[in-house]
Protein backbone atom coordinates (compact mmCIF):
# COMPACT_ATOMS: atom_id res chain seq x y z
CA MET A 1 115.80 84.66 137.25
CA TRP A 2 112.02 85.13 137.55
CA ARG A 3 112.38 86.13 141.17
CA LYS A 4 115.06 88.63 140.16
CA LEU A 5 112.78 90.19 137.54
CA MET A 6 109.89 90.44 139.99
CA VAL A 7 112.14 92.17 142.52
CA LEU A 8 113.35 94.65 139.90
CA THR A 9 109.82 95.36 138.76
CA SER A 10 108.71 95.88 142.32
CA LEU A 11 111.54 98.32 142.87
CA CYS A 12 110.55 100.27 139.77
CA LEU A 13 106.90 100.57 140.76
CA CYS A 14 107.81 101.69 144.22
CA SER A 15 110.68 104.01 143.26
CA THR A 16 109.05 107.08 144.74
CA ALA A 17 108.80 105.36 148.09
CA HIS A 18 112.40 104.15 148.29
CA ALA A 19 115.15 106.73 148.54
CA ASP A 20 117.84 104.18 147.58
CA LEU A 21 116.51 103.89 144.00
CA ARG A 22 116.98 106.91 141.72
CA HIS A 23 114.78 106.53 138.65
CA TYR A 24 115.51 108.66 135.56
CA VAL A 25 112.79 108.58 132.90
CA ALA A 26 110.88 111.18 130.88
CA SER A 27 107.32 111.83 131.96
CA LEU A 28 104.36 111.52 129.61
CA GLU A 29 104.37 115.28 129.15
CA ASN A 30 108.07 115.74 128.35
CA SER A 31 108.87 112.50 126.53
CA ALA A 32 110.29 113.54 123.16
CA TRP A 33 111.76 111.42 120.38
CA ARG A 34 113.47 112.89 117.32
CA VAL A 35 115.22 111.64 114.20
CA GLY A 36 118.66 113.28 114.43
CA GLU A 37 119.94 112.09 111.05
CA ASN A 38 117.83 111.01 108.12
CA ASN A 39 119.84 110.42 104.94
CA PRO A 40 121.14 107.49 102.85
CA ILE A 41 124.34 107.10 104.90
CA GLU A 42 123.08 107.46 108.48
CA CYS A 43 119.85 107.14 110.46
CA ARG A 44 119.71 108.25 114.08
CA LEU A 45 116.83 108.10 116.56
CA GLU A 46 117.33 110.10 119.77
CA HIS A 47 115.57 110.48 123.10
CA ASP A 48 116.44 112.82 125.98
CA ILE A 49 116.43 111.39 129.50
CA PRO A 50 115.89 114.31 131.92
CA ASP A 51 118.74 114.94 134.39
CA TYR A 52 120.69 111.99 133.00
CA GLY A 53 121.63 112.16 129.32
CA ARG A 54 120.47 110.86 125.97
CA ALA A 55 119.52 107.55 124.34
CA VAL A 56 120.68 107.12 120.73
CA PHE A 57 119.90 104.41 118.15
CA THR A 58 122.18 104.61 115.10
CA SER A 59 122.37 102.71 111.83
CA ILE A 60 124.82 103.48 109.04
CA ALA A 61 125.02 102.53 105.36
CA GLY A 62 126.49 99.10 104.71
CA LYS A 63 126.09 95.74 103.04
CA GLU A 64 124.08 94.47 106.02
CA LEU A 65 121.53 96.32 108.14
CA ASN A 66 123.20 97.29 111.41
CA LEU A 67 122.08 98.99 114.60
CA GLN A 68 123.94 100.45 117.57
CA PHE A 69 122.48 101.78 120.80
CA THR A 70 124.37 104.25 122.98
CA LEU A 71 123.36 105.48 126.42
CA ASP A 72 125.03 108.89 126.35
CA MET A 73 125.49 109.80 130.02
CA TRP A 74 126.23 113.29 131.31
CA LEU A 75 128.28 111.70 134.08
CA LYS A 76 130.42 108.84 132.78
CA PRO A 77 131.05 105.72 134.94
CA ASP A 78 133.94 106.08 137.36
CA SER A 79 134.51 102.33 137.36
CA VAL A 80 133.42 99.23 135.45
CA THR A 81 129.75 98.73 136.37
CA ASN A 82 127.52 95.74 135.68
CA ALA A 83 123.99 96.56 134.54
CA THR A 84 120.79 94.72 133.67
CA LEU A 85 118.50 95.87 130.87
CA ILE A 86 114.85 95.10 131.60
CA SER A 87 111.71 95.72 129.55
CA ARG A 88 109.11 96.92 132.02
CA ALA A 89 105.66 98.44 131.81
CA PRO A 90 105.55 102.21 132.40
CA SER A 91 103.57 103.52 135.34
CA TRP A 92 100.68 104.40 133.02
CA ARG A 93 100.44 100.78 131.75
CA PRO A 94 100.21 98.58 134.87
CA GLY A 95 99.68 94.85 134.71
CA HIS A 96 102.32 93.89 132.11
CA ASN A 97 105.11 91.52 133.09
CA SER A 98 108.73 92.64 132.94
CA LYS A 99 111.42 90.65 131.13
CA GLU A 100 115.18 90.79 130.89
CA ILE A 101 116.68 91.90 127.56
CA THR A 102 120.40 91.53 128.32
CA GLN A 103 123.23 91.87 130.83
CA LEU A 104 126.01 94.34 130.11
CA ALA A 105 128.89 96.26 131.65
CA TYR A 106 129.56 99.98 131.55
CA GLN A 107 133.26 100.62 130.96
CA LYS A 108 135.06 103.29 132.98
CA GLN A 109 134.64 106.77 131.45
CA PHE A 110 132.66 105.43 128.48
CA ASN A 111 129.01 105.63 127.49
CA GLY A 112 126.89 102.51 127.80
CA GLU A 113 126.52 100.43 124.63
CA VAL A 114 124.10 97.60 123.83
CA PRO A 115 124.73 94.72 121.35
CA LYS A 116 122.89 94.77 118.01
CA LYS A 117 120.37 92.04 118.85
CA ALA A 118 119.45 93.64 122.17
CA ALA A 119 119.16 97.07 120.50
CA TRP A 120 116.56 95.67 118.07
CA SER A 121 114.73 94.13 121.04
CA MET A 122 114.64 97.56 122.70
CA LEU A 123 112.96 99.07 119.64
CA THR A 124 110.44 96.23 119.55
CA GLU A 125 109.60 96.70 123.22
CA LEU A 126 109.23 100.47 122.80
CA SER A 127 106.90 99.95 119.83
CA GLN A 128 104.73 97.78 122.09
CA GLY A 129 104.46 100.50 124.72
CA MET A 130 107.08 99.04 127.08
CA GLU A 131 109.90 100.90 128.80
CA PRO A 132 113.45 99.47 128.38
CA THR A 133 115.20 100.28 131.64
CA PHE A 134 118.81 99.93 132.80
CA TYR A 135 119.45 98.95 136.43
CA TYR A 136 122.82 99.28 138.12
CA ALA A 137 124.50 100.28 141.36
CA ASP A 138 125.84 103.82 141.74
CA TRP A 139 129.61 103.61 141.17
CA TYR A 140 130.14 106.07 144.06
CA ASN A 141 127.72 104.37 146.44
CA PRO A 142 127.00 100.67 145.70
CA SER A 143 124.11 100.59 148.15
CA SER A 144 122.29 103.19 146.05
CA LYS A 145 120.53 101.78 142.97
CA ILE A 146 119.86 103.59 139.72
CA ALA A 147 117.19 102.95 137.07
CA VAL A 148 117.37 104.66 133.67
CA GLY A 149 114.33 104.25 131.44
CA LEU A 150 113.42 105.04 127.84
CA SER A 151 109.84 106.26 127.67
CA SER A 152 107.64 104.88 124.91
CA ALA A 153 105.41 107.96 125.02
CA ASN A 154 105.38 109.76 121.64
CA PHE A 155 107.63 107.03 120.19
CA GLY A 156 105.50 105.62 117.35
CA GLY A 157 105.62 108.48 114.82
CA LYS A 158 109.38 109.03 115.03
CA TYR A 159 110.00 105.27 114.94
CA ARG A 160 108.12 105.05 111.63
CA GLU A 161 110.28 107.89 110.30
CA PHE A 162 113.41 106.10 111.51
CA ARG A 163 112.35 102.85 109.84
CA SER A 164 111.71 104.70 106.60
CA CYS A 165 115.25 106.05 106.81
CA LEU A 166 116.61 102.52 107.39
CA ALA A 167 114.89 101.34 104.20
CA ASN A 168 116.75 104.00 102.20
CA LEU A 169 120.29 103.41 103.51
CA LEU A 170 122.91 102.82 100.81
CA PRO A 171 123.91 99.13 100.48
CA TYR A 172 127.60 99.99 100.89
CA SER A 173 129.66 101.77 103.55
CA PHE A 174 132.45 104.34 103.64
CA ASP A 175 134.99 101.51 103.86
CA ASP A 176 133.63 100.11 100.59
CA ILE A 177 134.43 103.31 98.67
CA ALA A 178 137.41 104.70 100.63
CA PHE A 179 139.85 102.95 98.26
CA THR A 180 138.48 102.67 94.74
CA VAL A 181 140.28 101.76 91.52
CA LEU A 182 138.80 102.92 88.19
CA ASN A 183 139.92 101.50 84.84
CA TYR A 184 139.74 103.05 81.37
CA GLN A 185 139.10 102.13 77.78
CA GLU A 186 142.19 102.29 75.58
CA GLY A 187 143.20 105.92 75.11
CA GLY A 188 141.29 109.01 76.23
CA VAL A 189 139.21 109.37 79.40
CA GLU A 190 136.39 106.86 78.79
CA LEU A 191 135.88 104.62 81.83
CA THR A 192 134.97 100.96 81.54
CA ARG A 193 131.32 100.18 82.22
CA PHE A 194 132.08 98.66 85.64
CA SER A 195 134.25 101.64 86.64
CA LYS A 196 131.45 104.04 85.72
CA MET A 197 129.23 102.22 88.23
CA GLN A 198 131.98 102.33 90.85
CA LEU A 199 132.46 106.07 90.38
CA GLN A 200 128.72 106.62 90.68
CA LYS A 201 128.80 104.81 94.03
CA VAL A 202 131.65 107.03 95.25
CA GLN A 203 129.90 110.15 93.99
CA ARG A 204 126.58 109.24 95.61
CA TYR A 205 128.13 108.40 98.97
CA LEU A 206 130.25 111.55 99.11
CA SER A 207 127.28 113.74 98.21
CA PHE A 208 125.78 112.85 101.63
CA ASP A 209 128.95 112.76 103.78
CA PRO A 210 130.15 116.16 105.09
CA GLU A 211 133.03 114.64 107.08
CA VAL A 212 135.36 113.84 104.18
CA GLU A 213 138.75 115.32 105.03
CA LEU A 214 140.92 114.52 102.03
CA VAL A 215 140.54 112.89 98.61
CA LEU A 216 143.69 111.73 96.81
CA ILE A 217 143.38 110.98 93.09
CA ASP A 218 146.31 109.26 91.36
CA ALA A 219 146.06 108.56 87.62
CA TYR A 220 148.14 106.15 85.53
CA THR A 221 148.34 104.94 81.91
CA ASP A 222 149.73 101.90 80.11
CA SER A 223 153.04 102.21 78.24
CA TYR A 224 151.59 102.47 74.72
CA GLY A 225 152.24 105.83 73.10
CA GLY A 226 154.81 108.49 73.92
CA ARG A 227 155.67 109.33 77.51
CA SER A 228 154.66 112.98 77.22
CA ILE A 229 151.31 112.00 75.70
CA ASN A 230 150.71 109.43 78.44
CA GLN A 231 151.52 112.04 81.06
CA ARG A 232 148.93 114.43 79.63
CA VAL A 233 146.36 111.62 79.43
CA SER A 234 146.88 110.72 83.11
CA ASP A 235 146.59 114.38 84.12
CA LYS A 236 143.36 114.68 82.15
CA ARG A 237 141.92 111.52 83.76
CA ALA A 238 142.73 112.77 87.25
CA ASP A 239 141.15 116.16 86.54
CA SER A 240 137.98 114.60 85.09
CA VAL A 241 137.43 112.54 88.26
CA LYS A 242 138.15 115.62 90.37
CA ASP A 243 135.48 117.60 88.51
CA ILE A 244 132.91 114.87 89.16
CA LEU A 245 133.68 114.81 92.90
CA ILE A 246 133.54 118.60 93.15
CA ALA A 247 130.07 118.37 91.60
CA SER A 248 129.22 115.95 94.46
CA GLY A 249 129.90 118.69 97.00
CA ILE A 250 133.51 117.98 97.99
CA PRO A 251 135.40 121.29 98.41
CA GLN A 252 138.06 121.69 95.75
CA GLU A 253 140.79 122.36 98.31
CA ARG A 254 140.28 118.91 99.82
CA ILE A 255 140.96 117.11 96.55
CA HIS A 256 144.55 116.48 95.48
CA THR A 257 145.36 115.04 92.05
CA GLU A 258 148.52 113.72 90.45
CA GLY A 259 149.12 112.19 87.05
CA HIS A 260 151.88 109.56 86.93
CA GLY A 261 151.78 108.76 83.23
CA GLU A 262 153.12 105.31 82.43
CA LYS A 263 155.04 105.00 85.71
CA ARG A 264 154.26 102.46 88.46
CA HIS A 265 152.66 99.68 86.45
CA VAL A 266 150.82 97.01 88.40
CA ALA A 267 150.72 94.55 85.50
CA ALA A 268 152.64 93.78 82.29
CA ASN A 269 151.70 95.53 79.03
CA ASP A 270 151.76 92.62 76.58
CA LEU A 271 148.04 91.81 76.65
CA GLU A 272 145.06 94.16 76.42
CA GLN A 273 143.72 92.84 79.73
CA GLU A 274 147.03 93.73 81.40
CA ARG A 275 147.15 97.17 79.82
CA GLN A 276 143.62 97.86 81.02
CA ILE A 277 144.73 97.18 84.60
CA ASN A 278 147.49 99.77 84.21
CA ARG A 279 145.08 102.36 82.78
CA ARG A 280 143.66 103.33 86.12
CA VAL A 281 142.75 106.08 88.57
CA VAL A 282 143.08 105.30 92.28
CA ILE A 283 140.81 107.23 94.66
CA LYS A 284 141.78 107.29 98.36
CA ILE A 285 139.44 109.03 100.80
CA THR A 286 140.09 109.88 104.46
CA LYS A 287 137.87 111.05 107.32
CA PRO A 288 138.75 112.29 110.83
CA ILE A 289 139.28 109.44 113.27
C-alpha cells in the first residue's frame, strides 16, 4: 500500500511532465469555495473544478448529523470505474506525505459519491491544507490516467461558514414531519400541548422548504355531539391548520383540506383517551421525487 501511495504521489508531482496523466485542479488564483445553501434544513459547500465539474458537500436536517459528498462531473462515466481517493499535498506545500482516504467505484452515468466517514475525512484534510484527489483510469482509454483534486486554497473562511450552518440544522428531517397527526382538546379547535409542539415543528420546517408540492389536511372528530356540529368542527379545525401553514409560506393553492366529521374513527369512543385519538387532524406533505 505504501508503495502504491508513493507512486501516486510521484505521478501527481510530475503530472506536467507525463502526458498520460490529466490533472484537474483549481489553481491558487482561481480556487473558489462557496456556501450554496445556508439554512436550517440544508447546508451545502461547493467548489468548482476547472474543465471538469463541481465538488459538493451536503448536509440536511435530521436527528443525526449527516454528510454527503458528490463529485458532479460534466462528463459522466461511460462504464463502472474504480477510483482511489488520496489526500496529497498541493504543489505549493511540498514535503507532506500522501495518504489514502478510501477506495470507491463510479457507477455508469452517475456522479461520484463518497461515504459519510470519508467525506468528513476530506473536510479535515482540506482544513489542514491538503488536497483530496481522485485517481482513476479514463473509461475511454484505460492507459490514460486522470487525477481530480479539490484545492484547499481559500477554503478556511467558507468552511467556517459551512460549520456554522451545520450547527443550526433542525434536529428533524422532512420524513419526520411528512405525516403528522395532531390531536385536540374536547370540543373546539384547541390542540393538545404535544400537538402544538408538533405543529410548530411542521410550520418551522415548511417555512424553509420551497420544494413542498402538496399538503393534504384531513380533520376528524369523535362521535359526541350532533353529526352536523361535528362536521362543522372538523371543517374549522382543517381551516385553522391551513391558515397556520399559509402563514409559513406555503401557497394556498397547494393546500387541500377536508373535514370528515365523526367518520373514520381509529379508536372507540367510550373513554376520553379513545375520543382524543379520534379528535385529530392528519397532515400529509409531498415533494417532487
